[in-house]
Amino acid sequence: MMILQSLRKVWDLSLFSYFMINIVLNMCVVFYLTLVLWISIHTLPCSSPRK
């Protein structure tokens, strides 16, 4: 019975860490895409007429 409980605990922990890693990766991808979009918008000469 104790082995089952510890196995379940390890399973929950691995699932939790998997979800956390997924969330962090998604945030990194979104941040990277936003940065690239921001840089591309700000480096285009036609989209910055106010100087």
C-alpha atoms as a PDB file:
ATOM      1  CA  MET A   1       0.000   0.000   0.000  1.00  0.00           C
ATOM      2  CA  MET A   2       2.833   2.379   0.802  1.00  0.00           C
ATOM      3  CA  ILE A   3       4.492   1.621  -2.530  1.00  0.00           C
ATOM      4  CA  LEU A   4       1.289   2.530  -4.350  1.00  0.00           C
ATOM      5  CA  GLN A   5       1.006   5.823  -2.480  1.00  0.00           C
ATOM      6  CA  SER A   6       4.598   6.778  -3.195  1.00  0.00           C
ATOM      7  CA  LEU A   7       4.168   5.836  -6.846  1.00  0.00           C
ATOM      8  CA  ARG A   8       1.091   8.023  -7.062  1.00  0.00           C
ATOM      9  CA  LYS A   9       2.980  10.878  -5.431  1.00  0.00           C
ATOM     10  CA  VAL A  10       5.816  10.572  -7.924  1.00  0.00           C
ATOM     11  CA  TRP A  11       3.299  10.408 -10.775  1.00  0.00           C
ATOM     12  CA  ASP A  12       1.554  13.574  -9.557  1.00  0.00           C
ATOM     13  CA  LEU A  13       4.891  15.338  -9.246  1.00  0.00           C
ATOM     14  CA  SER A  14       5.984  14.352 -12.743  1.00  0.00           C
ATOM     15  CA  LEU A  15       2.639  15.463 -14.175  1.00  0.00           C
ATOM     16  CA  PHE A  16       2.917  18.785 -12.344  1.00  0.00           C
ATOM     17  CA  SER A  17       6.472  19.365 -13.546  1.00  0.00           C
ATOM     18  CA  TYR A  18       5.429  18.441 -17.088  1.00  0.00           C
ATOM     19  CA  PHE A  19       2.659  21.038 -17.013  1.00  0.00           C
ATOM     20  CA  MET A  20       4.991  23.650 -15.541  1.00  0.00           C
ATOM     21  CA  ILE A  21       7.592  23.012 -18.240  1.00  0.00           C
ATOM     22  CA  ASN A  22       4.882  23.286 -20.895  1.00  0.00           C
ATOM     23  CA  ILE A  23       3.661  26.600 -19.487  1.00  0.00           C
ATOM     24  CA  VAL A  24       7.186  28.009 -19.278  1.00  0.00           C
ATOM     25  CA  LEU A  25       7.951  26.904 -22.834  1.00  0.00           C
ATOM     26  CA  ASN A  26       4.743  28.463 -24.121  1.00  0.00           C
ATOM     27  CA  MET A  27       5.554  31.723 -22.351  1.00  0.00           C
ATOM     28  CA  CYS A  28       9.044  31.722 -23.852  1.00  0.00           C
ATOM     29  CA  VAL A  29       7.662  31.141 -27.344  1.00  0.00           C
ATOM     30  CA  VAL A  30       5.081  33.903 -26.946  1.00  0.00           C
ATOM     31  CA  PHE A  31       7.720  36.282 -25.592  1.00  0.00           C
ATOM     32  CA  TYR A  32      10.074  35.474 -28.464  1.00  0.00           C
ATOM     33  CA  LEU A  33       7.364  35.958 -31.086  1.00  0.00           C
ATOM     34  CA  THR A  34       6.303  39.249 -29.532  1.00  0.00           C
ATOM     35  CA  LEU A  35       9.891  40.457 -29.467  1.00  0.00           C
ATOM     36  CA  VAL A  36      10.439  39.519 -33.109  1.00  0.00           C
ATOM     37  CA  LEU A  37       7.199  41.220 -34.129  1.00  0.00           C
ATOM     38  CA  TRP A  38       8.076  44.351 -32.124  1.00  0.00           C
ATOM     39  CA  ILE A  39      11.566  44.531 -33.628  1.00  0.00           C
ATOM     40  CA  SER A  40      10.291  43.981 -37.167  1.00  0.00           C
ATOM     41  CA  ILE A  41       7.645  46.686 -36.720  1.00  0.00           C
ATOM     42  CA  HIS A  42      10.144  49.162 -35.293  1.00  0.00           C
ATOM     43  CA  THR A  43      12.838  48.515 -37.872  1.00  0.00           C
ATOM     44  CA  LEU A  44      10.555  48.936 -40.870  1.00  0.00           C
ATOM     45  CA  PRO A  45      11.082  52.434 -42.286  1.00  0.00           C
ATOM     46  CA  CYS A  46       7.582  52.741 -43.729  1.00  0.00           C
ATOM     47  CA  SER A  47       5.811  52.173 -40.406  1.00  0.00           C
ATOM     48  CA  SER A  48       7.701  54.938 -38.564  1.00  0.00           C
ATOM     49  CA  PRO A  49       6.814  58.250 -40.225  1.00  0.00           C
ATOM     50  CA  ARG A  50       6.984  60.271 -37.000  1.00  0.00           C
ATOM     51  CA  LYS A  51      10.594  61.377 -36.591  1.00  0.00           C
END
